Amino acid sequence: MEPTSQVVTAHPAPALAAFIDGYIGYRMTGFEAGLHRGLPSRHMTFIVAIGPVIDVISQSDGCQSPDNYRCVLGGLQDTPAMIAHDGTQEGVAVKLTPMGCRVLFGLPAAELWSTSIEFGDLIGAPGRQLWEELQEHSGWPQRFAACDRVLTRLLMPERAVGPELSWAWRAVARSHGTVGVERLAERIGWSRQYLTKRFSSEFGLSPKVAGRIARFERAKQMLLNTPSFVSIAQVAAACGYYDQPHLNREFARLAGCSPTQWLAEEIPSVQDPGLAGEPG
């Protein structure tokens, strides 16, 4: 069978827009069975499988056992997870910002750092309802509407992350990691040490590591989307790396492989940040 893939994007309901950057519906069939790398991202992992479960054979936290999930919620991470697939994948990925974790689920993103859980185990009946509704609907608009319904009911704005930390996170994301920690602290009016402490306590990683991930994500997008005559060294320079070896080292740390290897083995990915726009 010839490999085919479909990717459909949508914006969330207005009430959710400050916490979810978009929905991505994906359907991939006819690919060879293999492994997919779940890479570090500025978004938390939140994927509802349609049909076969998500089979995580190697967690980003090596202390967590392999598991499979109908609806997986995972924290931010700085190492890859490995997901096995049989060549067919279908589901909806929710581009959940770390600010959305507290306002929707009542806990800071830091509590899920480098961890994956079954969404229904965390949230109870609404999590199971979300999975069931997405199995019932065959159309993407209906599936996205179901996400809006379930998640809007969980929304509690009074639990929102403070404005200083929310602004700092979005500044790192918008700048693709180029803004320095000193500048962030100066704009907020905090010391560098206090910002790092509060940022890490809320999100699970320091502003510096968040910047590394944001820059890595931009490089990954450029590698996927630029013409073949653009070299990896040129991508490295455009993304603010010292040189190609610097980019290679960051890929080794964050993806567990080289950029060339990742490009060769990667099937269309719901993690591609270009699929649903830039962070707000």
Protein backbone atom coordinates (compact mmCIF):
# COMPACT_ATOMS: atom_id res chain seq x y z
CA MET A 1 0.00 0.00 0.00
CA GLU A 2 1.25 3.46 -0.88
CA PRO A 3 1.89 5.52 2.28
CA THR A 4 -0.66 8.28 2.79
CA SER A 5 -0.94 10.94 5.45
CA GLN A 6 -3.53 13.53 6.34
CA VAL A 7 -3.02 16.42 8.73
CA VAL A 8 -5.86 18.79 9.65
CA THR A 9 -5.45 21.73 12.03
CA ALA A 10 -7.95 23.83 13.95
CA HIS A 11 -8.02 26.61 16.52
CA PRO A 12 -9.54 25.87 19.93
CA ALA A 13 -12.60 27.64 21.30
CA PRO A 14 -11.84 31.27 22.26
CA ALA A 15 -12.01 30.45 25.97
CA LEU A 16 -9.16 27.95 25.51
CA ALA A 17 -6.99 30.00 23.15
CA ALA A 18 -4.69 31.36 25.87
CA PHE A 19 -3.81 27.82 26.96
CA ILE A 20 -3.99 25.69 23.80
CA ASP A 21 -2.19 26.78 20.63
CA GLY A 22 -4.19 24.51 18.34
CA TYR A 23 -5.47 21.04 17.53
CA ILE A 24 -3.84 18.70 15.02
CA GLY A 25 -5.79 15.80 13.59
CA TYR A 26 -3.58 13.21 11.91
CA ARG A 27 -4.12 9.99 9.97
CA MET A 28 -1.17 8.02 8.59
CA THR A 29 -1.48 4.67 6.81
CA GLY A 30 0.70 2.41 4.72
CA PHE A 31 4.02 3.29 6.33
CA GLU A 32 6.50 0.64 7.38
CA ALA A 33 6.24 -0.40 11.01
CA GLY A 34 8.89 1.25 13.10
CA LEU A 35 9.71 3.70 15.84
CA HIS A 36 8.86 7.37 16.18
CA ARG A 37 10.84 9.75 18.36
CA GLY A 38 8.73 11.84 20.71
CA LEU A 39 10.94 14.91 20.90
CA PRO A 40 11.23 17.76 23.40
CA SER A 41 8.86 20.59 22.58
CA ARG A 42 7.55 23.88 23.95
CA HIS A 43 4.19 22.11 24.21
CA MET A 44 3.24 19.38 26.61
CA THR A 45 2.36 15.99 25.13
CA PHE A 46 -1.43 15.59 24.95
CA ILE A 47 -2.57 13.08 22.32
CA VAL A 48 -5.86 11.20 22.01
CA ALA A 49 -5.44 8.00 20.02
CA ILE A 50 -8.18 6.97 17.61
CA GLY A 51 -8.07 3.22 17.15
CA PRO A 52 -4.75 1.61 18.20
CA VAL A 53 -3.22 2.79 21.46
CA ILE A 54 -0.03 4.85 21.71
CA ASP A 55 2.72 2.33 22.49
CA VAL A 56 5.55 4.08 24.35
CA ILE A 57 8.40 1.57 24.55
CA SER A 58 10.95 3.97 26.02
CA GLN A 59 9.91 6.89 28.21
CA SER A 60 11.78 10.19 28.28
CA ASP A 61 12.40 9.43 31.96
CA GLY A 62 14.33 6.17 31.93
CA CYS A 63 12.96 5.33 35.39
CA GLN A 64 9.38 5.15 34.04
CA SER A 65 8.34 1.79 32.61
CA PRO A 66 7.13 1.38 29.01
CA ASP A 67 3.35 1.64 28.71
CA ASN A 68 0.55 2.19 26.23
CA TYR A 69 -2.09 4.89 26.34
CA ARG A 70 -5.48 5.67 24.87
CA CYS A 71 -5.08 9.34 25.77
CA VAL A 72 -1.59 10.32 26.88
CA LEU A 73 -0.70 13.44 28.85
CA GLY A 74 2.97 14.12 29.31
CA GLY A 75 5.04 16.89 30.80
CA LEU A 76 7.80 18.87 29.19
CA GLN A 77 11.00 16.90 28.61
CA ASP A 78 14.61 17.33 27.50
CA THR A 79 15.18 13.79 26.19
CA PRO A 80 13.22 11.77 23.61
CA ALA A 81 10.62 9.07 24.13
CA MET A 82 10.33 6.19 21.66
CA ILE A 83 6.91 5.18 20.32
CA ALA A 84 6.36 1.96 18.37
CA HIS A 85 3.86 1.94 15.51
CA ASP A 86 2.67 -0.60 12.94
CA GLY A 87 2.62 1.92 10.09
CA THR A 88 -0.84 3.22 10.93
CA GLN A 89 -1.51 6.09 13.32
CA GLU A 90 -4.58 8.24 13.89
CA GLY A 91 -5.51 10.71 16.58
CA VAL A 92 -5.79 14.28 17.77
CA ALA A 93 -2.85 16.14 19.28
CA VAL A 94 -3.69 19.06 21.56
CA LYS A 95 -0.97 21.74 21.50
CA LEU A 96 -1.15 22.33 25.25
CA THR A 97 0.99 25.11 26.68
CA PRO A 98 2.44 24.56 30.17
CA MET A 99 0.21 27.37 31.42
CA GLY A 100 -2.78 25.27 30.38
CA CYS A 101 -1.79 22.43 32.68
CA ARG A 102 -2.60 24.40 35.83
CA VAL A 103 -5.74 26.13 34.58
CA LEU A 104 -7.25 22.95 33.10
CA PHE A 105 -5.99 20.20 35.39
CA GLY A 106 -5.14 22.02 38.61
CA LEU A 107 -1.43 21.22 38.82
CA PRO A 108 1.76 22.90 37.63
CA ALA A 109 3.43 21.47 34.54
CA ALA A 110 6.46 20.74 36.73
CA GLU A 111 4.57 17.88 38.40
CA LEU A 112 4.51 16.04 35.07
CA TRP A 113 8.11 16.81 34.09
CA SER A 114 9.42 14.02 31.81
CA THR A 115 6.45 11.83 32.80
CA SER A 116 3.58 10.31 30.81
CA ILE A 117 0.22 9.32 32.29
CA GLU A 118 -3.17 8.14 31.07
CA PHE A 119 -5.31 11.28 30.95
CA GLY A 120 -8.33 9.51 32.44
CA ASP A 121 -6.26 8.42 35.44
CA LEU A 122 -5.51 12.07 36.22
CA ILE A 123 -8.82 13.72 35.48
CA GLY A 124 -11.34 10.88 35.82
CA ALA A 125 -14.59 10.72 33.86
CA PRO A 126 -13.91 13.72 31.55
CA GLY A 127 -10.73 12.04 30.33
CA ARG A 128 -12.54 8.84 29.48
CA GLN A 129 -15.36 10.83 27.88
CA LEU A 130 -12.91 12.65 25.61
CA TRP A 131 -11.45 9.38 24.33
CA GLU A 132 -14.90 7.82 23.81
CA GLU A 133 -16.27 10.82 21.91
CA LEU A 134 -13.34 10.88 19.53
CA GLN A 135 -13.87 7.20 18.71
CA GLU A 136 -17.53 7.87 17.90
CA HIS A 137 -16.95 10.72 15.43
CA SER A 138 -15.36 10.18 12.01
CA GLY A 139 -15.14 13.84 10.96
CA TRP A 140 -12.39 16.18 12.11
CA PRO A 141 -14.73 19.13 12.86
CA GLN A 142 -16.78 16.92 15.19
CA ARG A 143 -13.64 15.61 16.88
CA PHE A 144 -12.26 19.09 17.45
CA ALA A 145 -15.65 20.22 18.77
CA ALA A 146 -15.59 17.34 21.26
CA CYS A 147 -12.17 18.51 22.48
CA ASP A 148 -13.58 22.02 22.94
CA ARG A 149 -16.59 20.75 24.91
CA VAL A 150 -14.67 18.54 27.31
CA LEU A 151 -11.75 20.89 27.90
CA THR A 152 -13.87 24.03 28.28
CA ARG A 153 -15.75 22.34 31.12
CA LEU A 154 -12.43 21.77 32.92
CA LEU A 155 -11.36 25.40 32.60
CA MET A 156 -10.88 27.27 35.90
CA PRO A 157 -9.30 30.68 35.13
CA GLU A 158 -8.75 31.43 38.82
CA ARG A 159 -6.01 28.76 38.82
CA ALA A 160 -4.02 30.55 36.10
CA VAL A 161 -0.24 30.86 36.23
CA GLY A 162 0.91 34.30 37.38
CA PRO A 163 1.38 36.93 34.66
CA GLU A 164 5.15 37.22 35.15
CA LEU A 165 5.80 33.51 34.53
CA SER A 166 3.27 33.31 31.71
CA TRP A 167 4.93 36.27 29.99
CA ALA A 168 8.41 34.80 30.51
CA TRP A 169 7.43 31.47 28.97
CA ARG A 170 5.85 33.08 25.92
CA ALA A 171 8.82 35.42 25.48
CA VAL A 172 11.16 32.42 25.34
CA ALA A 173 8.87 30.65 22.85
CA ARG A 174 8.35 33.70 20.62
CA SER A 175 12.09 34.41 20.46
CA HIS A 176 12.92 30.77 19.65
CA GLY A 177 15.21 30.77 22.66
CA THR A 178 17.25 33.82 21.71
CA VAL A 179 16.17 36.03 24.62
CA GLY A 180 18.56 35.82 27.57
CA VAL A 181 17.60 35.04 31.17
CA GLU A 182 19.02 38.38 32.38
CA ARG A 183 16.80 40.27 29.96
CA LEU A 184 13.72 38.30 31.01
CA ALA A 185 14.43 38.99 34.67
CA GLU A 186 15.00 42.68 34.00
CA ARG A 187 11.70 43.03 32.14
CA ILE A 188 9.78 41.32 34.93
CA GLY A 189 11.61 43.11 37.73
CA TRP A 190 12.93 39.97 39.41
CA SER A 191 16.48 38.80 40.02
CA ARG A 192 17.86 36.15 37.69
CA GLN A 193 18.02 33.66 40.55
CA TYR A 194 14.42 34.29 41.63
CA LEU A 195 13.12 34.00 38.06
CA THR A 196 14.97 30.72 37.55
CA LYS A 197 13.61 29.34 40.83
CA ARG A 198 9.99 30.30 40.12
CA PHE A 199 10.17 29.28 36.44
CA SER A 200 11.60 25.85 37.31
CA SER A 201 9.06 25.32 40.09
CA GLU A 202 6.15 26.01 37.71
CA PHE A 203 7.33 24.44 34.45
CA GLY A 204 9.89 21.83 35.53
CA LEU A 205 12.88 23.31 33.70
CA SER A 206 14.97 26.46 33.83
CA PRO A 207 14.56 29.37 31.39
CA LYS A 208 17.91 28.39 29.86
CA VAL A 209 16.77 24.83 29.11
CA ALA A 210 13.43 26.13 27.81
CA GLY A 211 15.38 28.35 25.43
CA ARG A 212 17.44 25.39 24.22
CA ILE A 213 14.27 23.47 23.47
CA ALA A 214 12.65 26.41 21.67
CA ARG A 215 15.74 26.87 19.49
CA PHE A 216 15.93 23.12 18.80
CA GLU A 217 12.28 23.11 17.75
CA ARG A 218 12.89 25.95 15.31
CA ALA A 219 15.89 24.11 13.84
CA LYS A 220 13.81 20.95 13.49
CA GLN A 221 11.09 22.84 11.64
CA MET A 222 13.62 24.49 9.32
CA LEU A 223 15.28 21.16 8.54
CA LEU A 224 11.90 19.71 7.57
CA ASN A 225 10.69 22.65 5.52
CA THR A 226 13.70 24.23 3.79
CA PRO A 227 14.82 23.19 0.28
CA SER A 228 17.43 20.45 0.01
CA PHE A 229 20.08 22.87 -1.25
CA VAL A 230 20.04 24.64 2.14
CA SER A 231 22.75 22.98 4.22
CA ILE A 232 22.52 21.92 7.85
CA ALA A 233 25.29 24.43 8.57
CA GLN A 234 23.10 27.22 7.15
CA VAL A 235 20.17 26.08 9.31
CA ALA A 236 22.46 26.06 12.34
CA ALA A 237 23.55 29.65 11.65
CA ALA A 238 19.97 30.84 11.07
CA CYS A 239 18.86 29.36 14.41
CA GLY A 240 21.67 30.92 16.43
CA TYR A 241 23.97 27.92 16.91
CA TYR A 242 27.71 28.59 16.82
CA ASP A 243 28.19 26.13 13.97
CA GLN A 244 26.94 22.78 12.66
CA PRO A 245 28.80 20.74 15.32
CA HIS A 246 26.96 22.79 17.97
CA LEU A 247 23.62 21.89 16.34
CA ASN A 248 24.71 18.26 16.08
CA ARG A 249 25.51 18.18 19.81
CA GLU A 250 22.12 19.64 20.71
CA PHE A 251 20.37 17.08 18.51
CA ALA A 252 22.33 14.30 20.21
CA ARG A 253 21.25 15.59 23.63
CA LEU A 254 17.61 16.35 22.84
CA ALA A 255 16.77 13.84 20.09
CA GLY A 256 19.28 11.07 20.72
CA CYS A 257 20.51 11.16 17.12
CA SER A 258 22.03 13.44 14.49
CA PRO A 259 19.93 15.79 12.33
CA THR A 260 20.70 13.64 9.28
CA GLN A 261 19.55 10.45 10.99
CA TRP A 262 16.38 12.10 12.25
CA LEU A 263 15.47 13.39 8.79
CA ALA A 264 16.09 9.96 7.25
CA GLU A 265 13.91 8.05 9.68
CA GLU A 266 11.13 10.52 10.43
CA ILE A 267 7.59 10.01 9.12
CA PRO A 268 5.22 13.02 9.10
CA SER A 269 5.00 14.10 12.72
CA VAL A 270 2.25 15.71 14.75
CA GLN A 271 5.04 17.47 16.65
CA ASP A 272 6.01 19.65 13.68
CA PRO A 273 5.44 23.17 15.08
CA GLY A 274 4.75 24.49 11.57
CA LEU A 275 1.52 22.52 11.40
CA ALA A 276 -0.43 24.74 13.73
CA GLY A 277 1.29 28.09 13.77
CA GLU A 278 3.55 29.89 16.18
CA PRO A 279 2.90 30.29 19.88
CA GLY A 280 0.78 33.18 20.95
